[in-house]
Protein backbone atom coordinates (compact mmCIF):
# COMPACT_ATOMS: atom_id res chain seq x y z
CA MET A 1 -25.86 -22.22 -21.11
CA SER A 2 -24.82 -25.72 -20.71
CA LYS A 3 -25.01 -27.14 -17.01
CA THR A 4 -21.93 -29.23 -16.82
CA ALA A 5 -20.37 -28.16 -13.68
CA MET A 6 -20.87 -30.56 -10.76
CA ILE A 7 -21.53 -29.92 -7.01
CA ARG A 8 -20.86 -32.27 -4.24
CA ALA A 9 -22.10 -31.63 -0.70
CA ARG A 10 -22.51 -33.80 2.36
CA THR A 11 -25.56 -33.63 4.66
CA GLU A 12 -27.47 -35.47 7.26
CA PRO A 13 -29.77 -38.12 5.52
CA LYS A 14 -32.91 -37.20 7.58
CA LEU A 15 -32.34 -33.55 6.39
CA LYS A 16 -31.73 -34.64 2.93
CA ASN A 17 -35.08 -36.84 2.81
CA LYS A 18 -37.17 -34.20 4.42
CA VAL A 19 -36.09 -31.52 2.19
CA GLU A 20 -36.30 -33.50 -1.01
CA ARG A 21 -39.95 -34.31 -0.12
CA ILE A 22 -40.59 -30.48 0.18
CA PHE A 23 -38.83 -30.00 -3.12
CA GLU A 24 -41.08 -32.67 -4.75
CA ALA A 25 -44.32 -31.04 -3.24
CA LEU A 26 -43.09 -27.69 -4.69
CA GLY A 27 -42.37 -29.39 -8.28
CA LEU A 28 -38.74 -28.99 -8.15
CA THR A 29 -35.83 -31.39 -8.57
CA VAL A 30 -32.93 -31.29 -6.19
CA SER A 31 -30.75 -29.74 -9.07
CA GLU A 32 -33.53 -27.07 -9.85
CA ALA A 33 -33.51 -26.06 -6.16
CA ILE A 34 -29.77 -25.86 -6.01
CA ASN A 35 -29.81 -23.78 -9.37
CA LEU A 36 -32.54 -21.57 -7.84
CA PHE A 37 -30.66 -21.05 -4.67
CA TYR A 38 -27.51 -20.09 -6.74
CA HIS A 39 -29.45 -17.75 -8.92
CA ARG A 40 -30.86 -15.81 -5.90
CA VAL A 41 -27.31 -15.68 -4.37
CA GLU A 42 -26.04 -14.15 -7.63
CA LEU A 43 -29.12 -11.77 -7.71
CA GLU A 44 -28.61 -10.67 -4.15
CA ASN A 45 -24.97 -10.73 -4.28
CA GLY A 46 -25.01 -12.64 -1.02
CA LEU A 47 -27.19 -15.12 0.75
CA PRO A 48 -30.94 -14.53 -0.05
CA PHE A 49 -31.86 -14.44 3.79
CA ASP A 50 -30.24 -12.51 6.93
CA LEU A 51 -27.63 -14.29 8.83
CA LYS A 52 -27.09 -12.67 12.16
CA ILE A 53 -25.38 -13.13 15.48
CA PRO A 54 -27.59 -11.92 18.14
CA ASN A 55 -26.02 -9.04 20.32
CA THR A 56 -25.89 -9.40 24.18
CA LYS A 57 -29.13 -7.73 24.77
CA THR A 58 -31.30 -10.01 22.24
CA LEU A 59 -29.42 -13.11 23.75
CA ARG A 60 -30.57 -12.05 27.28
CA ALA A 61 -34.07 -11.49 26.03
CA MET A 62 -34.16 -14.90 24.17
CA ASN A 63 -32.88 -16.57 27.29
CA ASP A 64 -35.44 -14.77 29.38
CA VAL A 65 -38.17 -15.90 27.27
CA GLU A 66 -36.97 -19.76 27.28
CA LYS A 67 -36.90 -19.45 31.14
CA LYS A 68 -40.20 -17.65 31.17
CA LYS A 69 -38.46 -14.81 33.04
CA LYS A 70 -39.36 -10.99 33.08
CA LEU A 71 -42.53 -11.48 30.61
CA ARG A 72 -45.16 -9.03 30.70
CA GLY A 73 -48.75 -9.56 29.46
CA HIS A 74 -50.97 -6.92 27.80
CA HIS A 75 -54.65 -6.85 27.02
CA ASN A 76 -54.34 -5.32 23.46
CA ALA A 77 -51.79 -4.07 21.13
CA GLU A 78 -52.14 -0.47 22.27
CA ASP A 79 -51.28 -1.32 25.65
CA MET A 80 -48.08 -3.27 24.26
CA LEU A 81 -47.00 -0.41 22.21
CA LYS A 82 -47.40 2.05 25.11
CA ASP A 83 -45.32 -0.37 27.28
CA LEU A 84 -42.61 -0.77 24.69
CA LYS A 85 -42.19 3.19 24.35
CA LYS A 86 -41.34 3.32 28.07
């Protein structure tokens, strides 16, 4: 199939440069990366990653971590899992 459709988008110059260097390291042109993204959207019938708005409980927990509030330490994974089941 011939590639004749044009896509135009605006983005921040710093982001563009950083991402283009990543594409280059992966051996991809910007056009190839965009086409890859479009194919994944088509395959997934949506975005190829989750987009979620955190609920109130999650937002509160994230805020607590940022403020280093209500944090509990554990000596090993077993103790952590026991604590989580409470």
